[in-house]
Amino acid sequence: MLDGADTLRSAPEKYSSTVEYNAENPIAQALKGVAQVMSADLGTRIFYTQHGSFDTHTNELVNHAKLWDEVSEAIECFWADLNELGQADDTVIWMFSEFGRRIEDNGAGTDHGSGGVAFMIGNPVNGGLYGDYPSLKPADQLEGDVHYNTDYRDVYATILDDFMHVDSEWVLNDKFNGKSELVAN
C-alpha cells in the first residue's frame, strides 16, 4: 500500500503541460507543484503555498516591485496551466497577506499593521473591488493603523459555502457573514 508521500511523489509522472514555469522563481515552482498534484486527480481540494519574502521593512518600493513581478509571472503560468489541464473553471485562487502595514513610514520602511490586502482570481469569481477604501484621516485611525472593513473569515466562509459547498460554520467553528457576491454558485 502506498502512503501519502509515495502518492504525492507519483504526481509529477502524471503531469503533462506545455507551460514553462521560471525555474528561478520560487512561487512559480511552488504553483507548478500544485498543478502537478491537481493533474494527478488525488482528490485534494485545498492547496496552500507561500512567497514569504514580502516581510520587508526597508527599500520596499524596489523589493515589492520585484516580488510582485514574481507573483504575477507565477500566477500567469499557473492559470495558463489550469486552462490547459481543464481545471480553471473549478479553481479559485485566494492570495492574501498574513499582516498589513502601518500608514506612516518609520524612517526605514513600514511596520506591521492592520491594513491588508487580498485578491481572489478565477473563472468562478465575480470580478471587482470589494470593501471600502479605509480612511487615512488621523482621527479615524486606530493607533496609526487603518481599520479593516472586511473580515477574512467572511471570505473563508464564502469560499467554503458558495464555491466548495462545505458548511463553513463547521469548519470555522462559528457563523460568519459570507460575501456571496464574490463567487458564482
N, C-alpha and C. Protein backbone atom coordinates (compact mmCIF):
# COMPACT_ATOMS: atom_id res chain seq x y z
N MET A 1 0.85 -1.17 0.00
CA MET A 1 0.00 0.00 0.00
C MET A 1 0.90 1.24 0.00
N LEU A 2 0.51 2.23 -0.79
CA LEU A 2 1.25 3.49 -0.85
C LEU A 2 0.86 4.39 0.31
N ASP A 3 1.85 5.07 0.88
CA ASP A 3 1.48 6.07 1.87
C ASP A 3 1.33 7.41 1.16
N GLY A 4 0.92 8.44 1.88
CA GLY A 4 0.64 9.73 1.27
C GLY A 4 1.82 10.32 0.52
N ALA A 5 3.02 10.19 1.09
CA ALA A 5 4.21 10.76 0.43
C ALA A 5 4.47 10.06 -0.90
N ASP A 6 4.31 8.73 -0.93
CA ASP A 6 4.51 8.00 -2.19
C ASP A 6 3.48 8.41 -3.23
N THR A 7 2.25 8.62 -2.79
CA THR A 7 1.20 9.06 -3.71
C THR A 7 1.55 10.42 -4.31
N LEU A 8 2.00 11.34 -3.46
CA LEU A 8 2.38 12.66 -3.95
C LEU A 8 3.59 12.60 -4.87
N ARG A 9 4.54 11.73 -4.57
CA ARG A 9 5.73 11.60 -5.43
C ARG A 9 5.36 11.14 -6.83
N SER A 10 4.26 10.44 -6.96
CA SER A 10 3.86 9.95 -8.28
C SER A 10 3.17 11.03 -9.12
N ALA A 11 2.75 12.13 -8.50
CA ALA A 11 2.00 13.17 -9.22
C ALA A 11 2.77 13.75 -10.41
N PRO A 12 4.06 14.10 -10.28
CA PRO A 12 4.76 14.67 -11.44
C PRO A 12 4.80 13.74 -12.65
N GLU A 13 4.78 12.44 -12.41
CA GLU A 13 4.81 11.48 -13.52
C GLU A 13 3.54 11.55 -14.36
N LYS A 14 2.44 11.95 -13.74
CA LYS A 14 1.15 12.02 -14.43
C LYS A 14 0.91 13.38 -15.08
N TYR A 15 1.81 14.32 -14.84
CA TYR A 15 1.65 15.70 -15.27
C TYR A 15 2.24 15.91 -16.65
N SER A 16 1.47 16.56 -17.51
CA SER A 16 1.95 16.92 -18.84
C SER A 16 1.41 18.29 -19.18
N SER A 17 2.32 19.21 -19.52
CA SER A 17 1.91 20.58 -19.81
C SER A 17 2.91 21.24 -20.74
N THR A 18 2.42 22.15 -21.54
CA THR A 18 3.31 22.93 -22.40
C THR A 18 3.74 24.23 -21.73
N VAL A 19 3.20 24.53 -20.56
CA VAL A 19 3.53 25.76 -19.84
C VAL A 19 4.92 25.63 -19.22
N GLU A 20 5.72 26.66 -19.42
CA GLU A 20 7.08 26.67 -18.87
C GLU A 20 7.15 27.66 -17.71
N TYR A 21 7.33 27.14 -16.52
CA TYR A 21 7.47 27.95 -15.32
C TYR A 21 8.94 28.35 -15.17
N ASN A 22 9.19 29.55 -14.69
CA ASN A 22 10.54 30.04 -14.45
C ASN A 22 11.18 29.26 -13.30
N ALA A 23 12.26 28.56 -13.58
CA ALA A 23 12.94 27.74 -12.58
C ALA A 23 13.57 28.59 -11.48
N GLU A 24 13.79 29.88 -11.75
CA GLU A 24 14.41 30.78 -10.77
C GLU A 24 13.37 31.50 -9.90
N ASN A 25 12.10 31.22 -10.11
CA ASN A 25 11.03 31.90 -9.40
C ASN A 25 10.42 30.92 -8.40
N PRO A 26 10.68 31.10 -7.09
CA PRO A 26 10.22 30.12 -6.10
C PRO A 26 8.70 29.94 -6.05
N ILE A 27 7.94 31.02 -6.17
CA ILE A 27 6.48 30.86 -6.11
C ILE A 27 5.97 30.19 -7.37
N ALA A 28 6.62 30.43 -8.50
CA ALA A 28 6.23 29.74 -9.74
C ALA A 28 6.47 28.24 -9.60
N GLN A 29 7.57 27.86 -9.01
CA GLN A 29 7.86 26.44 -8.82
C GLN A 29 6.87 25.80 -7.84
N ALA A 30 6.50 26.54 -6.81
CA ALA A 30 5.50 26.02 -5.86
C ALA A 30 4.16 25.81 -6.56
N LEU A 31 3.76 26.76 -7.40
CA LEU A 31 2.48 26.62 -8.11
C LEU A 31 2.55 25.52 -9.17
N LYS A 32 3.70 25.30 -9.75
CA LYS A 32 3.85 24.17 -10.68
C LYS A 32 3.61 22.87 -9.92
N GLY A 33 4.13 22.78 -8.70
CA GLY A 33 3.89 21.59 -7.88
C GLY A 33 2.41 21.40 -7.59
N VAL A 34 1.70 22.49 -7.34
CA VAL A 34 0.25 22.40 -7.13
C VAL A 34 -0.42 21.89 -8.40
N ALA A 35 -0.04 22.42 -9.55
CA ALA A 35 -0.62 21.98 -10.82
C ALA A 35 -0.35 20.49 -11.05
N GLN A 36 0.83 20.03 -10.67
CA GLN A 36 1.15 18.61 -10.82
C GLN A 36 0.23 17.74 -9.98
N VAL A 37 0.01 18.14 -8.73
CA VAL A 37 -0.88 17.37 -7.86
C VAL A 37 -2.32 17.46 -8.35
N MET A 38 -2.74 18.64 -8.80
CA MET A 38 -4.10 18.78 -9.33
C MET A 38 -4.31 17.88 -10.54
N SER A 39 -3.31 17.80 -11.41
CA SER A 39 -3.47 16.98 -12.62
C SER A 39 -3.50 15.50 -12.30
N ALA A 40 -2.95 15.11 -11.15
CA ALA A 40 -2.97 13.70 -10.75
C ALA A 40 -4.33 13.28 -10.20
N ASP A 41 -5.22 14.25 -9.98
CA ASP A 41 -6.59 13.98 -9.54
C ASP A 41 -6.62 13.09 -8.29
N LEU A 42 -5.91 13.56 -7.25
CA LEU A 42 -5.84 12.81 -6.00
C LEU A 42 -6.98 13.14 -5.04
N GLY A 43 -7.84 14.06 -5.44
CA GLY A 43 -8.98 14.41 -4.60
C GLY A 43 -8.71 15.58 -3.66
N THR A 44 -7.53 16.14 -3.72
CA THR A 44 -7.19 17.27 -2.86
C THR A 44 -7.97 18.49 -3.32
N ARG A 45 -8.59 19.20 -2.37
CA ARG A 45 -9.43 20.34 -2.74
C ARG A 45 -8.82 21.68 -2.34
N ILE A 46 -7.90 21.69 -1.40
CA ILE A 46 -7.29 22.94 -0.95
C ILE A 46 -5.78 22.79 -0.99
N PHE A 47 -5.13 23.77 -1.58
CA PHE A 47 -3.67 23.81 -1.65
C PHE A 47 -3.21 25.14 -1.06
N TYR A 48 -2.04 25.14 -0.46
CA TYR A 48 -1.50 26.36 0.13
C TYR A 48 -0.03 26.47 -0.24
N THR A 49 0.36 27.60 -0.74
CA THR A 49 1.77 27.89 -0.96
C THR A 49 2.04 29.26 -0.37
N GLN A 50 3.30 29.62 -0.32
CA GLN A 50 3.62 30.96 0.18
C GLN A 50 4.83 31.52 -0.53
N HIS A 51 4.87 32.82 -0.56
CA HIS A 51 6.02 33.55 -1.08
C HIS A 51 6.42 34.47 0.06
N GLY A 52 7.19 33.94 0.98
CA GLY A 52 7.39 34.56 2.28
C GLY A 52 8.29 35.77 2.35
N SER A 53 8.76 36.27 1.25
CA SER A 53 9.75 37.33 1.34
C SER A 53 9.16 38.74 1.25
N PHE A 54 7.86 38.90 1.48
CA PHE A 54 7.27 40.23 1.49
C PHE A 54 7.48 40.94 2.83
N ASP A 55 8.04 40.26 3.81
CA ASP A 55 8.23 40.86 5.13
C ASP A 55 9.47 41.75 5.12
N THR A 56 9.39 42.81 4.34
CA THR A 56 10.48 43.77 4.23
C THR A 56 10.13 44.99 5.08
N HIS A 57 11.13 45.65 5.57
CA HIS A 57 10.89 46.86 6.35
C HIS A 57 11.68 48.04 5.79
N THR A 58 12.51 47.78 4.80
CA THR A 58 13.28 48.85 4.16
C THR A 58 13.26 48.63 2.66
N ASN A 59 13.51 49.70 1.93
CA ASN A 59 13.61 49.63 0.47
C ASN A 59 12.40 48.93 -0.15
N GLU A 60 11.23 49.22 0.38
CA GLU A 60 10.02 48.48 0.00
C GLU A 60 9.61 48.69 -1.45
N LEU A 61 9.77 49.88 -1.98
CA LEU A 61 9.35 50.11 -3.37
C LEU A 61 10.10 49.19 -4.33
N VAL A 62 11.39 49.10 -4.18
CA VAL A 62 12.20 48.25 -5.07
C VAL A 62 11.92 46.77 -4.79
N ASN A 63 11.95 46.38 -3.52
CA ASN A 63 11.74 44.97 -3.17
C ASN A 63 10.36 44.49 -3.56
N HIS A 64 9.35 45.28 -3.27
CA HIS A 64 7.98 44.84 -3.58
C HIS A 64 7.72 44.79 -5.08
N ALA A 65 8.33 45.69 -5.84
CA ALA A 65 8.17 45.63 -7.30
C ALA A 65 8.69 44.31 -7.84
N LYS A 66 9.85 43.87 -7.36
CA LYS A 66 10.42 42.59 -7.78
C LYS A 66 9.53 41.42 -7.34
N LEU A 67 9.08 41.47 -6.10
CA LEU A 67 8.25 40.39 -5.58
C LEU A 67 6.92 40.29 -6.33
N TRP A 68 6.29 41.43 -6.62
CA TRP A 68 5.02 41.40 -7.36
C TRP A 68 5.23 40.92 -8.79
N ASP A 69 6.37 41.24 -9.38
CA ASP A 69 6.68 40.69 -10.71
C ASP A 69 6.74 39.17 -10.66
N GLU A 70 7.38 38.63 -9.61
CA GLU A 70 7.46 37.17 -9.46
C GLU A 70 6.08 36.55 -9.28
N VAL A 71 5.27 37.16 -8.43
CA VAL A 71 3.92 36.65 -8.20
C VAL A 71 3.10 36.70 -9.48
N SER A 72 3.17 37.81 -10.18
CA SER A 72 2.42 37.98 -11.43
C SER A 72 2.82 36.93 -12.46
N GLU A 73 4.11 36.75 -12.64
CA GLU A 73 4.61 35.75 -13.59
C GLU A 73 4.14 34.35 -13.19
N ALA A 74 4.20 34.04 -11.90
CA ALA A 74 3.81 32.72 -11.42
C ALA A 74 2.32 32.46 -11.63
N ILE A 75 1.48 33.45 -11.29
CA ILE A 75 0.03 33.30 -11.47
C ILE A 75 -0.31 33.15 -12.95
N GLU A 76 0.36 33.91 -13.80
CA GLU A 76 0.12 33.81 -15.24
C GLU A 76 0.40 32.39 -15.74
N CYS A 77 1.52 31.81 -15.33
CA CYS A 77 1.85 30.44 -15.74
C CYS A 77 0.86 29.44 -15.15
N PHE A 78 0.57 29.59 -13.86
CA PHE A 78 -0.33 28.66 -13.19
C PHE A 78 -1.71 28.69 -13.84
N TRP A 79 -2.22 29.89 -14.15
CA TRP A 79 -3.55 29.99 -14.74
C TRP A 79 -3.57 29.39 -16.14
N ALA A 80 -2.50 29.63 -16.90
CA ALA A 80 -2.41 29.02 -18.24
C ALA A 80 -2.39 27.50 -18.11
N ASP A 81 -1.68 27.00 -17.11
CA ASP A 81 -1.62 25.56 -16.86
C ASP A 81 -2.99 25.01 -16.50
N LEU A 82 -3.70 25.70 -15.61
CA LEU A 82 -5.04 25.23 -15.22
C LEU A 82 -5.98 25.19 -16.41
N ASN A 83 -5.88 26.17 -17.29
CA ASN A 83 -6.70 26.16 -18.50
C ASN A 83 -6.34 24.97 -19.38
N GLU A 84 -5.05 24.72 -19.55
CA GLU A 84 -4.60 23.60 -20.37
C GLU A 84 -5.03 22.26 -19.76
N LEU A 85 -5.03 22.18 -18.43
CA LEU A 85 -5.41 20.95 -17.74
C LEU A 85 -6.92 20.80 -17.58
N GLY A 86 -7.68 21.82 -18.00
CA GLY A 86 -9.14 21.76 -17.87
C GLY A 86 -9.63 21.96 -16.45
N GLN A 87 -8.85 22.64 -15.62
CA GLN A 87 -9.19 22.81 -14.20
C GLN A 87 -9.58 24.25 -13.84
N ALA A 88 -9.50 25.17 -14.80
CA ALA A 88 -9.70 26.59 -14.48
C ALA A 88 -11.11 26.91 -13.97
N ASP A 89 -12.11 26.23 -14.49
CA ASP A 89 -13.48 26.52 -14.05
C ASP A 89 -13.76 26.00 -12.65
N ASP A 90 -12.90 25.14 -12.14
CA ASP A 90 -13.10 24.54 -10.82
C ASP A 90 -12.11 25.05 -9.79
N THR A 91 -11.47 26.17 -10.08
CA THR A 91 -10.40 26.66 -9.21
C THR A 91 -10.60 28.13 -8.87
N VAL A 92 -10.40 28.44 -7.60
CA VAL A 92 -10.34 29.82 -7.12
C VAL A 92 -8.99 29.99 -6.44
N ILE A 93 -8.29 31.04 -6.80
CA ILE A 93 -7.03 31.39 -6.15
C ILE A 93 -7.34 32.54 -5.19
N TRP A 94 -6.94 32.37 -3.95
CA TRP A 94 -7.09 33.45 -2.98
C TRP A 94 -5.71 33.80 -2.45
N MET A 95 -5.24 34.97 -2.81
CA MET A 95 -3.95 35.46 -2.34
C MET A 95 -4.20 36.49 -1.25
N PHE A 96 -3.48 36.35 -0.16
CA PHE A 96 -3.66 37.29 0.95
C PHE A 96 -2.34 37.49 1.67
N SER A 97 -2.29 38.56 2.41
CA SER A 97 -1.14 38.85 3.26
C SER A 97 -1.52 38.48 4.68
N GLU A 98 -0.59 37.86 5.38
CA GLU A 98 -0.88 37.49 6.76
C GLU A 98 -0.82 38.69 7.70
N PHE A 99 -0.31 39.81 7.21
CA PHE A 99 -0.26 41.02 8.00
C PHE A 99 -0.37 42.23 7.07
N GLY A 100 -0.81 43.32 7.63
CA GLY A 100 -0.88 44.55 6.86
C GLY A 100 0.31 45.43 7.19
N ARG A 101 0.20 46.67 6.81
CA ARG A 101 1.26 47.64 7.07
C ARG A 101 0.65 48.88 7.71
N ARG A 102 1.48 49.55 8.48
CA ARG A 102 1.06 50.80 9.09
C ARG A 102 1.04 51.89 8.04
N ILE A 103 0.33 52.96 8.32
CA ILE A 103 0.18 54.05 7.37
C ILE A 103 1.48 54.83 7.21
N GLU A 104 2.10 55.17 8.32
CA GLU A 104 3.27 56.04 8.30
C GLU A 104 4.56 55.23 8.17
N ASP A 105 5.48 55.78 7.42
CA ASP A 105 6.83 55.25 7.29
C ASP A 105 7.57 55.52 8.61
N ASN A 106 8.37 54.56 9.05
CA ASN A 106 9.11 54.74 10.30
C ASN A 106 10.51 55.31 10.07
N GLY A 107 10.78 55.76 8.85
CA GLY A 107 12.09 56.29 8.51
C GLY A 107 12.92 55.29 7.74
N ALA A 108 12.55 54.02 7.82
CA ALA A 108 13.28 52.97 7.10
C ALA A 108 12.32 51.99 6.44
N GLY A 109 11.06 52.33 6.39
CA GLY A 109 10.05 51.43 5.82
C GLY A 109 8.78 51.53 6.63
N THR A 110 7.98 50.48 6.59
CA THR A 110 6.75 50.48 7.39
C THR A 110 6.69 49.22 8.24
N ASP A 111 6.10 49.37 9.41
CA ASP A 111 5.96 48.25 10.33
C ASP A 111 4.64 47.52 10.07
N HIS A 112 4.49 46.36 10.70
CA HIS A 112 3.26 45.60 10.57
C HIS A 112 2.09 46.39 11.13
N GLY A 113 0.95 46.26 10.47
CA GLY A 113 -0.25 46.96 10.89
C GLY A 113 -1.49 46.18 10.51
N SER A 114 -2.63 46.80 10.69
CA SER A 114 -3.90 46.08 10.47
C SER A 114 -4.40 46.15 9.04
N GLY A 115 -3.95 47.09 8.26
CA GLY A 115 -4.44 47.21 6.88
C GLY A 115 -3.77 46.17 6.00
N GLY A 116 -4.55 45.37 5.33
CA GLY A 116 -4.00 44.32 4.47
C GLY A 116 -4.73 44.28 3.15
N VAL A 117 -4.41 43.25 2.38
CA VAL A 117 -4.99 43.13 1.05
C VAL A 117 -5.22 41.65 0.75
N ALA A 118 -6.19 41.38 -0.08
CA ALA A 118 -6.42 40.02 -0.57
C ALA A 118 -6.93 40.11 -2.00
N PHE A 119 -6.58 39.12 -2.79
CA PHE A 119 -7.02 39.05 -4.18
C PHE A 119 -7.64 37.68 -4.41
N MET A 120 -8.75 37.65 -5.11
CA MET A 120 -9.39 36.40 -5.48
C MET A 120 -9.42 36.34 -7.01
N ILE A 121 -8.93 35.24 -7.55
CA ILE A 121 -8.78 35.09 -9.00
C ILE A 121 -9.45 33.78 -9.42
N GLY A 122 -10.14 33.80 -10.54
CA GLY A 122 -10.67 32.56 -11.08
C GLY A 122 -11.90 32.78 -11.93
N ASN A 123 -12.19 31.83 -12.78
CA ASN A 123 -13.39 31.92 -13.62
C ASN A 123 -14.66 32.01 -12.78
N PRO A 124 -14.75 31.30 -11.63
CA PRO A 124 -15.96 31.40 -10.82
C PRO A 124 -16.10 32.72 -10.04
N VAL A 125 -15.08 33.57 -10.08
CA VAL A 125 -15.08 34.80 -9.30
C VAL A 125 -15.81 35.91 -10.04
N ASN A 126 -16.68 36.59 -9.33
CA ASN A 126 -17.32 37.80 -9.85
C ASN A 126 -16.35 38.95 -9.61
N GLY A 127 -15.64 39.34 -10.65
CA GLY A 127 -14.59 40.34 -10.52
C GLY A 127 -15.08 41.68 -10.02
N GLY A 128 -14.17 42.40 -9.45
CA GLY A 128 -14.48 43.74 -8.97
C GLY A 128 -13.69 44.05 -7.72
N LEU A 129 -13.92 45.23 -7.20
CA LEU A 129 -13.30 45.69 -5.97
C LEU A 129 -14.35 45.60 -4.88
N TYR A 130 -14.04 44.88 -3.82
CA TYR A 130 -14.98 44.70 -2.72
C TYR A 130 -14.40 45.32 -1.46
N GLY A 131 -15.26 45.84 -0.63
CA GLY A 131 -14.81 46.53 0.57
C GLY A 131 -14.70 48.01 0.28
N ASP A 132 -14.42 48.75 1.30
CA ASP A 132 -14.28 50.20 1.18
C ASP A 132 -12.84 50.59 1.43
N TYR A 133 -12.40 51.60 0.71
CA TYR A 133 -11.05 52.11 0.95
C TYR A 133 -11.05 52.74 2.34
N PRO A 134 -10.14 52.32 3.21
CA PRO A 134 -10.16 52.83 4.59
C PRO A 134 -9.74 54.30 4.66
N SER A 135 -10.27 54.97 5.62
CA SER A 135 -9.93 56.38 5.83
C SER A 135 -8.49 56.50 6.33
N LEU A 136 -7.79 57.48 5.81
CA LEU A 136 -6.43 57.76 6.25
C LEU A 136 -6.38 58.96 7.20
N LYS A 137 -7.53 59.51 7.53
CA LYS A 137 -7.58 60.64 8.44
C LYS A 137 -7.09 60.21 9.82
N PRO A 138 -6.23 61.00 10.43
CA PRO A 138 -5.71 60.63 11.76
C PRO A 138 -6.81 60.34 12.78
N ALA A 139 -7.91 61.06 12.74
CA ALA A 139 -9.00 60.84 13.70
C ALA A 139 -9.66 59.48 13.51
N ASP A 140 -9.55 58.90 12.32
CA ASP A 140 -10.19 57.61 12.03
C ASP A 140 -9.25 56.42 12.24
N GLN A 141 -7.99 56.70 12.57
CA GLN A 141 -7.01 55.62 12.71
C GLN A 141 -7.08 54.98 14.09
N LEU A 142 -6.61 53.78 14.15
CA LEU A 142 -6.51 53.05 15.40
C LEU A 142 -5.02 52.96 15.74
N GLU A 143 -4.54 53.91 16.53
CA GLU A 143 -3.13 53.97 16.91
C GLU A 143 -2.21 53.91 15.70
N GLY A 144 -2.53 54.66 14.66
CA GLY A 144 -1.70 54.71 13.46
C GLY A 144 -2.04 53.68 12.41
N ASP A 145 -3.02 52.85 12.66
CA ASP A 145 -3.44 51.82 11.71
C ASP A 145 -4.78 52.17 11.09
N VAL A 146 -5.00 51.66 9.88
CA VAL A 146 -6.34 51.75 9.30
C VAL A 146 -7.22 50.70 9.96
N HIS A 147 -8.50 50.93 9.92
CA HIS A 147 -9.46 49.93 10.39
C HIS A 147 -9.79 49.01 9.22
N TYR A 148 -9.71 47.71 9.43
CA TYR A 148 -10.10 46.80 8.35
C TYR A 148 -11.61 46.86 8.20
N ASN A 149 -12.11 46.56 7.00
CA ASN A 149 -13.55 46.60 6.80
C ASN A 149 -14.10 45.30 6.23
N THR A 150 -13.24 44.33 5.99
CA THR A 150 -13.69 43.00 5.58
C THR A 150 -12.96 41.99 6.45
N ASP A 151 -13.69 41.20 7.17
CA ASP A 151 -13.11 40.15 8.00
C ASP A 151 -12.72 38.99 7.08
N TYR A 152 -11.48 38.57 7.14
CA TYR A 152 -11.02 37.49 6.26
C TYR A 152 -11.85 36.23 6.45
N ARG A 153 -12.43 36.05 7.62
CA ARG A 153 -13.26 34.86 7.86
C ARG A 153 -14.56 34.91 7.06
N ASP A 154 -15.02 36.12 6.73
CA ASP A 154 -16.18 36.24 5.84
C ASP A 154 -15.83 35.71 4.45
N VAL A 155 -14.60 35.97 4.01
CA VAL A 155 -14.16 35.47 2.70
C VAL A 155 -13.98 33.95 2.77
N TYR A 156 -13.37 33.45 3.85
CA TYR A 156 -13.28 31.99 4.03
C TYR A 156 -14.67 31.37 3.92
N ALA A 157 -15.63 31.94 4.65
CA ALA A 157 -16.99 31.39 4.65
C ALA A 157 -17.57 31.37 3.25
N THR A 158 -17.34 32.41 2.48
CA THR A 158 -17.84 32.47 1.11
C THR A 158 -17.25 31.36 0.25
N ILE A 159 -15.94 31.20 0.33
CA ILE A 159 -15.28 30.16 -0.47
C ILE A 159 -15.81 28.78 -0.07
N LEU A 160 -15.92 28.55 1.23
CA LEU A 160 -16.40 27.25 1.69
C LEU A 160 -17.86 27.01 1.31
N ASP A 161 -18.74 27.95 1.64
CA ASP A 161 -20.18 27.77 1.41
C ASP A 161 -20.56 27.82 -0.07
N ASP A 162 -20.12 28.85 -0.76
CA ASP A 162 -20.62 29.13 -2.10
C ASP A 162 -19.81 28.49 -3.22
N PHE A 163 -18.55 28.22 -2.98
CA PHE A 163 -17.73 27.63 -4.04
C PHE A 163 -17.48 26.14 -3.79
N MET A 164 -17.08 25.80 -2.57
CA MET A 164 -16.76 24.40 -2.28
C MET A 164 -17.98 23.62 -1.79
N HIS A 165 -19.04 24.33 -1.42
CA HIS A 165 -20.27 23.71 -0.91
C HIS A 165 -19.99 22.85 0.32
N VAL A 166 -19.23 23.46 1.22
CA VAL A 166 -18.89 22.86 2.52
C VAL A 166 -19.44 23.80 3.59
N ASP A 167 -19.98 23.26 4.66
CA ASP A 167 -20.54 24.07 5.73
C ASP A 167 -19.44 24.85 6.45
N SER A 168 -19.40 26.15 6.22
CA SER A 168 -18.34 26.98 6.80
C SER A 168 -18.43 27.05 8.32
N GLU A 169 -19.63 26.99 8.85
CA GLU A 169 -19.78 27.06 10.30
C GLU A 169 -19.10 25.88 10.98
N TRP A 170 -19.16 24.73 10.37
CA TRP A 170 -18.50 23.54 10.91
C TRP A 170 -16.98 23.71 10.84
N VAL A 171 -16.47 24.24 9.73
CA VAL A 171 -15.02 24.41 9.55
C VAL A 171 -14.48 25.53 10.43
N LEU A 172 -15.16 26.67 10.47
CA LEU A 172 -14.66 27.85 11.18
C LEU A 172 -15.11 27.90 12.63
N ASN A 173 -15.93 26.96 13.02
CA ASN A 173 -16.43 26.86 14.40
C ASN A 173 -17.17 28.13 14.84
N ASP A 174 -17.78 28.80 13.89
CA ASP A 174 -18.58 29.99 14.16
C ASP A 174 -19.31 30.36 12.87
N LYS A 175 -20.29 31.21 12.97
CA LYS A 175 -21.04 31.67 11.81
C LYS A 175 -20.51 33.04 11.39
N PHE A 176 -20.11 33.16 10.13
CA PHE A 176 -19.62 34.43 9.60
C PHE A 176 -20.49 34.86 8.44
N ASN A 177 -20.55 36.15 8.23
CA ASN A 177 -21.35 36.72 7.14
C ASN A 177 -20.55 36.62 5.86
N GLY A 178 -20.85 35.63 5.07
CA GLY A 178 -20.15 35.47 3.81
C GLY A 178 -20.38 36.64 2.88
N LYS A 179 -19.58 36.69 1.85
CA LYS A 179 -19.68 37.71 0.81
C LYS A 179 -20.14 37.01 -0.46
N SER A 180 -21.41 36.62 -0.50
CA SER A 180 -21.91 35.76 -1.58
C SER A 180 -21.75 36.38 -2.96
N GLU A 181 -21.56 37.68 -3.03
CA GLU A 181 -21.38 38.32 -4.33
C GLU A 181 -20.01 38.02 -4.94
N LEU A 182 -19.09 37.45 -4.18
CA LEU A 182 -17.73 37.21 -4.68
C LEU A 182 -17.63 36.09 -5.70
N VAL A 183 -18.40 35.03 -5.51
CA VAL A 183 -18.27 33.88 -6.41
C VAL A 183 -19.63 33.46 -6.95
N ALA A 184 -19.61 32.96 -8.18
CA ALA A 184 -20.83 32.43 -8.79
C ALA A 184 -21.10 31.06 -8.19
N ASN A 185 -22.34 30.80 -7.87
CA ASN A 185 -22.70 29.49 -7.29
C ASN A 185 -22.84 28.44 -8.36
